Amino acid sequence: MVQELDAQQTQIQRIVQSKAFRTSAVHRNLLTYLAEKSLSGTADGLKEYTVGLDVFSKPSSYDPRQESVVRMHMARLRQKLTDYYHIEGIEDPIVVDVPKGGFMMTFEPRPAPSPIPPEHVQPSAPIYRREVWLAVALLVAIACASYFGIRLWRIERAQPESAAAWTSDLQQLWTPILSSKRPLMVVLATPLFVRVPGLGFVRDSSSNDSGELSKSKSFSSLRDAFHLGTIAPSYGFTEVGTANGAFLLGQFLAQRKPNVLLTRTDLVSLPDVASRNGTKRLSSA
């Protein structure tokens, strides 16, 4: 019993020190308060009024019916716990939760994943059809990007007739950039993909940052369907339109500047971009 209590207290400290709670003193205090009451067995008697006084320093005249500060922060606390267990605490041995309708905190051991033979993993086609189509589209995009990338690096500079006409407008636009002695970077936009073992790489257009993975319903469905632990973000691919634009821009610039570099957005920091003259970024609409 003592070991179980120690493990629960250790889990609370792990959550309090996490990134999800590090920036919110209010929710750290609320979490610690509810944990102390729950572990001591006195959380059953907690009322919204009591929590308002003890945690939020409300006056004795505080009326929960007129002010929803406790309910608002309880909802936010539950969301923070969900976010924590989707990212930082995905492998923690104890799952902490505060079920709606009360202030009693629960401590449940994380169930061990049961091994499922590969032949038995058959996601329902209607539910995961979108993810399968995304994987197929990704394979096509990779093939096209590879084709245009090879053409870009094998371009023959001895074909001036293939370049766009050097009009006065183009000259006005590009001369200040091409005249610089610094290398010219062509930066390809690389949207966020997620690697799914056994399926490939999948993209959700609503998630463009690794911090948004926990909020994506598509990725949550994939995690549940394939019994995944941590899903790994990837920035190794670009779209067909971006690759085609890189090829055309490289073909245009390579005949007018010898040191044209090609890189990806996830490999370029803002200070690096700011320190280079004539940096151009290609991104698709």
Protein backbone atom coordinates (compact mmCIF):
# COMPACT_ATOMS: atom_id res chain seq x y z
CA MET A 1 0.00 0.00 0.00
CA VAL A 2 2.87 2.34 0.89
CA GLN A 3 4.62 1.54 -2.38
CA GLU A 4 1.43 2.26 -4.31
CA LEU A 5 1.03 5.61 -2.55
CA ASP A 6 4.65 6.52 -3.29
CA ALA A 7 4.18 5.63 -6.94
CA GLN A 8 1.08 7.83 -7.16
CA GLN A 9 2.84 10.77 -5.51
CA THR A 10 5.81 10.31 -7.86
CA GLN A 11 3.44 10.41 -10.83
CA ILE A 12 1.90 13.67 -9.62
CA GLN A 13 5.37 15.23 -9.33
CA ARG A 14 6.22 14.01 -12.81
CA ILE A 15 3.12 15.73 -14.21
CA VAL A 16 3.70 18.95 -12.23
CA GLN A 17 7.24 19.22 -13.66
CA SER A 18 6.15 18.51 -17.25
CA LYS A 19 6.07 21.04 -20.08
CA ALA A 20 2.28 20.88 -20.16
CA PHE A 21 2.04 22.30 -16.61
CA ARG A 22 5.30 24.22 -16.33
CA THR A 23 3.80 27.47 -17.62
CA SER A 24 0.59 27.37 -15.54
CA ALA A 25 0.97 27.89 -11.80
CA VAL A 26 -2.84 27.88 -11.41
CA HIS A 27 -3.23 24.37 -12.78
CA ARG A 28 -0.16 23.09 -10.93
CA ASN A 29 -1.70 24.29 -7.67
CA LEU A 30 -5.10 22.83 -8.55
CA LEU A 31 -3.56 19.48 -9.52
CA THR A 32 -1.47 19.30 -6.33
CA TYR A 33 -4.44 20.26 -4.16
CA LEU A 34 -6.75 17.62 -5.65
CA ALA A 35 -4.00 15.00 -5.44
CA GLU A 36 -3.44 15.68 -1.73
CA LYS A 37 -7.18 15.48 -1.00
CA SER A 38 -7.62 12.35 -3.11
CA LEU A 39 -4.63 10.50 -1.65
CA SER A 40 -5.72 11.39 1.89
CA GLY A 41 -9.26 10.14 1.19
CA THR A 42 -11.01 13.48 1.76
CA ALA A 43 -11.78 14.44 -1.84
CA ASP A 44 -15.29 12.96 -1.69
CA GLY A 45 -16.39 15.83 0.53
CA LEU A 46 -15.00 18.58 -1.67
CA LYS A 47 -17.41 21.18 -2.99
CA GLU A 48 -16.96 23.81 -5.65
CA TYR A 49 -17.20 26.47 -2.95
CA THR A 50 -14.39 24.86 -0.91
CA VAL A 51 -12.10 24.58 -3.92
CA GLY A 52 -12.76 28.23 -4.75
CA LEU A 53 -11.68 29.30 -1.27
CA ASP A 54 -8.69 26.95 -0.87
CA VAL A 55 -7.16 27.13 -4.38
CA PHE A 56 -8.36 30.42 -5.86
CA SER A 57 -8.41 32.49 -2.64
CA LYS A 58 -12.04 33.50 -3.09
CA PRO A 59 -13.72 35.46 -0.28
CA SER A 60 -16.32 33.84 1.97
CA SER A 61 -19.01 35.63 -0.06
CA TYR A 62 -18.03 33.65 -3.15
CA ASP A 63 -21.06 32.16 -4.92
CA PRO A 64 -20.29 29.31 -7.40
CA ARG A 65 -23.67 29.87 -9.05
CA GLN A 66 -22.62 33.38 -10.07
CA GLU A 67 -18.94 32.72 -10.86
CA SER A 68 -17.66 29.73 -12.84
CA VAL A 69 -13.93 30.07 -12.17
CA VAL A 70 -13.64 26.61 -10.56
CA ARG A 71 -15.58 24.84 -13.33
CA MET A 72 -13.57 26.63 -16.01
CA HIS A 73 -10.20 25.67 -14.54
CA MET A 74 -11.32 22.09 -13.84
CA ALA A 75 -12.19 21.68 -17.53
CA ARG A 76 -8.82 23.13 -18.49
CA LEU A 77 -7.06 20.81 -16.02
CA ARG A 78 -8.69 17.75 -17.57
CA GLN A 79 -7.62 18.93 -21.04
CA LYS A 80 -4.04 19.47 -19.86
CA LEU A 81 -3.94 15.95 -18.43
CA THR A 82 -5.19 14.59 -21.75
CA ASP A 83 -2.53 16.54 -23.65
CA TYR A 84 0.16 15.36 -21.24
CA TYR A 85 -0.68 11.67 -21.69
CA HIS A 86 -0.81 12.03 -25.48
CA ILE A 87 2.76 13.36 -25.66
CA GLU A 88 5.03 13.49 -22.60
CA GLY A 89 3.29 10.87 -20.50
CA ILE A 90 2.52 8.39 -23.25
CA GLU A 91 4.60 5.70 -21.50
CA ASP A 92 3.96 6.65 -17.86
CA PRO A 93 2.96 3.64 -15.70
CA ILE A 94 0.08 5.45 -13.95
CA VAL A 95 -2.74 7.37 -15.65
CA VAL A 96 -4.12 10.23 -13.55
CA ASP A 97 -7.59 11.61 -14.26
CA VAL A 98 -10.33 13.67 -12.61
CA PRO A 99 -13.69 12.35 -13.85
CA LYS A 100 -16.33 14.94 -14.60
CA GLY A 101 -18.90 15.69 -11.91
CA GLY A 102 -16.51 15.62 -8.95
CA PHE A 103 -13.07 16.41 -7.57
CA MET A 104 -11.87 12.88 -6.74
CA MET A 105 -8.68 12.07 -8.63
CA THR A 106 -8.21 8.55 -10.00
CA PHE A 107 -4.92 6.67 -10.36
CA GLU A 108 -5.12 3.81 -12.83
CA PRO A 109 -2.18 1.60 -13.89
CA ARG A 110 -1.57 1.79 -17.61
CA PRO A 111 -2.80 -1.48 -19.14
CA ALA A 112 -0.11 -3.48 -20.89
CA PRO A 113 -0.78 -3.62 -24.65
CA SER A 114 -1.87 -7.09 -25.66
CA PRO A 115 0.09 -8.52 -28.59
CA ILE A 116 -2.11 -8.76 -31.67
CA PRO A 117 -1.03 -10.98 -34.57
CA PRO A 118 -0.56 -8.93 -37.78
CA GLU A 119 -3.19 -10.97 -39.59
CA HIS A 120 -5.79 -9.92 -37.01
CA VAL A 121 -5.18 -6.19 -37.39
CA GLN A 122 -7.85 -5.32 -39.93
CA PRO A 123 -9.13 -1.75 -39.47
CA SER A 124 -12.61 -1.07 -40.71
CA ALA A 125 -12.42 0.18 -44.29
CA PRO A 126 -15.12 2.86 -43.95
CA ILE A 127 -13.40 4.40 -40.91
CA TYR A 128 -9.82 4.41 -42.21
CA ARG A 129 -10.39 4.74 -45.94
CA ARG A 130 -9.22 8.39 -45.84
CA GLU A 131 -5.90 7.38 -44.28
CA VAL A 132 -5.33 4.72 -46.95
CA TRP A 133 -5.98 7.24 -49.73
CA LEU A 134 -3.59 9.65 -48.04
CA ALA A 135 -0.90 6.98 -48.11
CA VAL A 136 -1.48 6.31 -51.82
CA ALA A 137 -1.39 10.03 -52.62
CA LEU A 138 1.82 10.34 -50.64
CA LEU A 139 3.52 7.63 -52.67
CA VAL A 140 2.59 9.44 -55.88
CA ALA A 141 3.88 12.73 -54.46
CA ILE A 142 7.19 11.13 -53.46
CA ALA A 143 7.66 9.67 -56.94
CA CYS A 144 6.96 13.02 -58.61
CA ALA A 145 9.19 14.91 -56.19
CA SER A 146 12.03 12.49 -56.83
CA TYR A 147 11.63 12.88 -60.59
CA PHE A 148 11.73 16.68 -60.49
CA GLY A 149 14.58 16.66 -57.99
CA ILE A 150 16.74 14.51 -60.27
CA ARG A 151 15.95 16.76 -63.21
CA LEU A 152 16.90 19.83 -61.19
CA TRP A 153 20.36 18.57 -60.30
CA ARG A 154 21.04 17.18 -63.79
CA ILE A 155 20.03 20.33 -65.62
CA GLU A 156 22.32 21.27 -68.46
CA ARG A 157 23.33 24.90 -68.21
CA ALA A 158 24.28 24.97 -71.86
CA GLN A 159 20.66 25.44 -72.93
CA PRO A 160 19.96 29.17 -72.62
CA GLU A 161 16.95 28.86 -74.87
CA SER A 162 15.12 26.92 -72.15
CA ALA A 163 15.35 29.76 -69.64
CA ALA A 164 12.74 32.44 -69.26
CA ALA A 165 13.35 35.65 -71.15
CA TRP A 166 15.36 38.13 -69.11
CA THR A 167 12.81 40.94 -69.19
CA SER A 168 13.28 44.34 -67.59
CA ASP A 169 10.83 43.43 -64.83
CA LEU A 170 12.70 40.23 -64.05
CA GLN A 171 15.99 42.07 -64.14
CA GLN A 172 14.70 44.67 -61.68
CA LEU A 173 13.46 41.91 -59.35
CA TRP A 174 16.46 39.56 -59.42
CA THR A 175 19.53 41.74 -60.01
CA PRO A 176 19.91 42.85 -56.36
CA ILE A 177 19.72 39.22 -55.28
CA LEU A 178 21.89 37.67 -57.98
CA SER A 179 24.56 40.34 -57.57
CA SER A 180 25.19 39.28 -53.97
CA LYS A 181 28.30 37.17 -53.34
CA ARG A 182 26.44 35.03 -50.86
CA PRO A 183 24.90 31.69 -51.91
CA LEU A 184 21.29 31.78 -53.06
CA MET A 185 19.04 29.36 -51.19
CA VAL A 186 15.92 27.82 -52.73
CA VAL A 187 13.94 26.57 -49.72
CA LEU A 188 11.23 23.98 -50.32
CA ALA A 189 8.24 23.89 -47.98
CA THR A 190 8.14 20.52 -46.19
CA PRO A 191 4.76 19.92 -44.53
CA LEU A 192 4.37 17.68 -41.51
CA PHE A 193 3.85 13.94 -42.10
CA VAL A 194 3.56 11.11 -39.57
CA ARG A 195 5.14 7.69 -40.04
CA VAL A 196 2.71 4.82 -39.44
CA PRO A 197 4.42 1.39 -39.22
CA GLY A 198 2.97 -0.97 -41.79
CA LEU A 199 1.25 1.82 -43.71
CA GLY A 200 3.80 4.51 -44.56
CA PHE A 201 3.63 8.27 -44.12
CA VAL A 202 0.33 10.09 -43.59
CA ARG A 203 -0.49 13.81 -43.54
CA ASP A 204 -3.32 15.73 -41.88
CA SER A 205 -3.56 19.14 -43.55
CA SER A 206 -4.88 20.69 -40.32
CA SER A 207 -1.67 19.80 -38.42
CA ASN A 208 1.51 21.58 -39.51
CA ASP A 209 3.48 21.46 -36.27
CA SER A 210 4.53 18.52 -34.12
CA GLY A 211 2.87 20.21 -31.14
CA GLU A 212 -0.53 19.85 -32.86
CA LEU A 213 -0.34 16.05 -33.21
CA SER A 214 -2.22 15.41 -29.98
CA LYS A 215 -5.18 17.52 -31.23
CA SER A 216 -5.56 15.72 -34.57
CA LYS A 217 -8.56 13.36 -34.71
CA SER A 218 -7.09 11.62 -37.76
CA PHE A 219 -3.84 10.80 -35.98
CA SER A 220 -5.76 9.70 -32.88
CA SER A 221 -7.77 7.30 -35.06
CA LEU A 222 -4.57 5.94 -36.58
CA ARG A 223 -3.03 5.48 -33.15
CA ASP A 224 -6.06 3.51 -31.95
CA ALA A 225 -6.41 1.47 -35.15
CA PHE A 226 -2.79 0.35 -35.33
CA HIS A 227 -2.17 0.21 -31.57
CA LEU A 228 0.66 2.73 -31.81
CA GLY A 229 2.68 4.15 -28.97
CA THR A 230 4.52 7.30 -29.94
CA ILE A 231 3.92 8.60 -33.47
CA ALA A 232 6.99 10.09 -35.11
CA PRO A 233 6.71 13.35 -37.10
CA SER A 234 8.58 13.63 -40.40
CA TYR A 235 9.47 16.60 -42.59
CA GLY A 236 11.16 14.61 -45.36
CA PHE A 237 8.65 15.20 -48.17
CA THR A 238 7.30 18.05 -50.24
CA GLU A 239 4.36 18.45 -52.60
CA VAL A 240 4.36 18.03 -56.37
CA GLY A 241 3.70 21.71 -57.07
CA THR A 242 6.54 22.74 -54.77
CA ALA A 243 8.97 20.31 -56.40
CA ASN A 244 7.96 21.51 -59.88
CA GLY A 245 8.41 25.13 -58.80
CA ALA A 246 11.86 24.33 -57.40
CA PHE A 247 12.87 22.75 -60.70
CA LEU A 248 11.70 25.71 -62.79
CA LEU A 249 13.23 28.28 -60.44
CA GLY A 250 16.51 26.37 -60.32
CA GLN A 251 16.54 26.13 -64.11
CA PHE A 252 16.01 29.87 -64.33
CA LEU A 253 18.63 30.86 -61.72
CA ALA A 254 21.35 28.30 -62.40
CA GLN A 255 22.36 30.06 -65.64
CA ARG A 256 22.78 33.39 -63.85
CA LYS A 257 24.35 32.47 -60.50
CA PRO A 258 26.84 29.66 -59.89
CA ASN A 259 26.12 28.90 -56.21
CA VAL A 260 22.40 28.10 -55.93
CA LEU A 261 21.60 25.87 -52.94
CA LEU A 262 18.54 23.69 -52.34
CA THR A 263 17.27 22.89 -48.83
CA ARG A 264 14.10 22.26 -46.79
CA THR A 265 12.21 24.58 -44.45
CA ASP A 266 12.69 22.35 -41.40
CA LEU A 267 16.48 22.54 -41.86
CA VAL A 268 16.63 26.35 -41.96
CA SER A 269 16.42 28.45 -38.79
CA LEU A 270 15.15 32.04 -38.74
CA PRO A 271 18.59 33.45 -37.83
CA ASP A 272 20.07 31.52 -40.74
CA VAL A 273 17.53 32.97 -43.14
CA ALA A 274 18.00 36.47 -41.76
CA SER A 275 21.77 36.27 -42.22
CA ARG A 276 21.57 35.37 -45.92
CA ASN A 277 20.81 37.84 -48.68
CA GLY A 278 18.55 36.71 -51.46
CA THR A 279 16.82 33.80 -49.75
CA LYS A 280 13.72 32.59 -51.57
CA ARG A 281 11.17 30.13 -50.20
CA LEU A 282 8.94 27.92 -52.31
CA SER A 283 5.63 26.88 -50.78
CA SER A 284 2.44 25.52 -52.23
CA ALA A 285 -0.88 27.25 -51.92
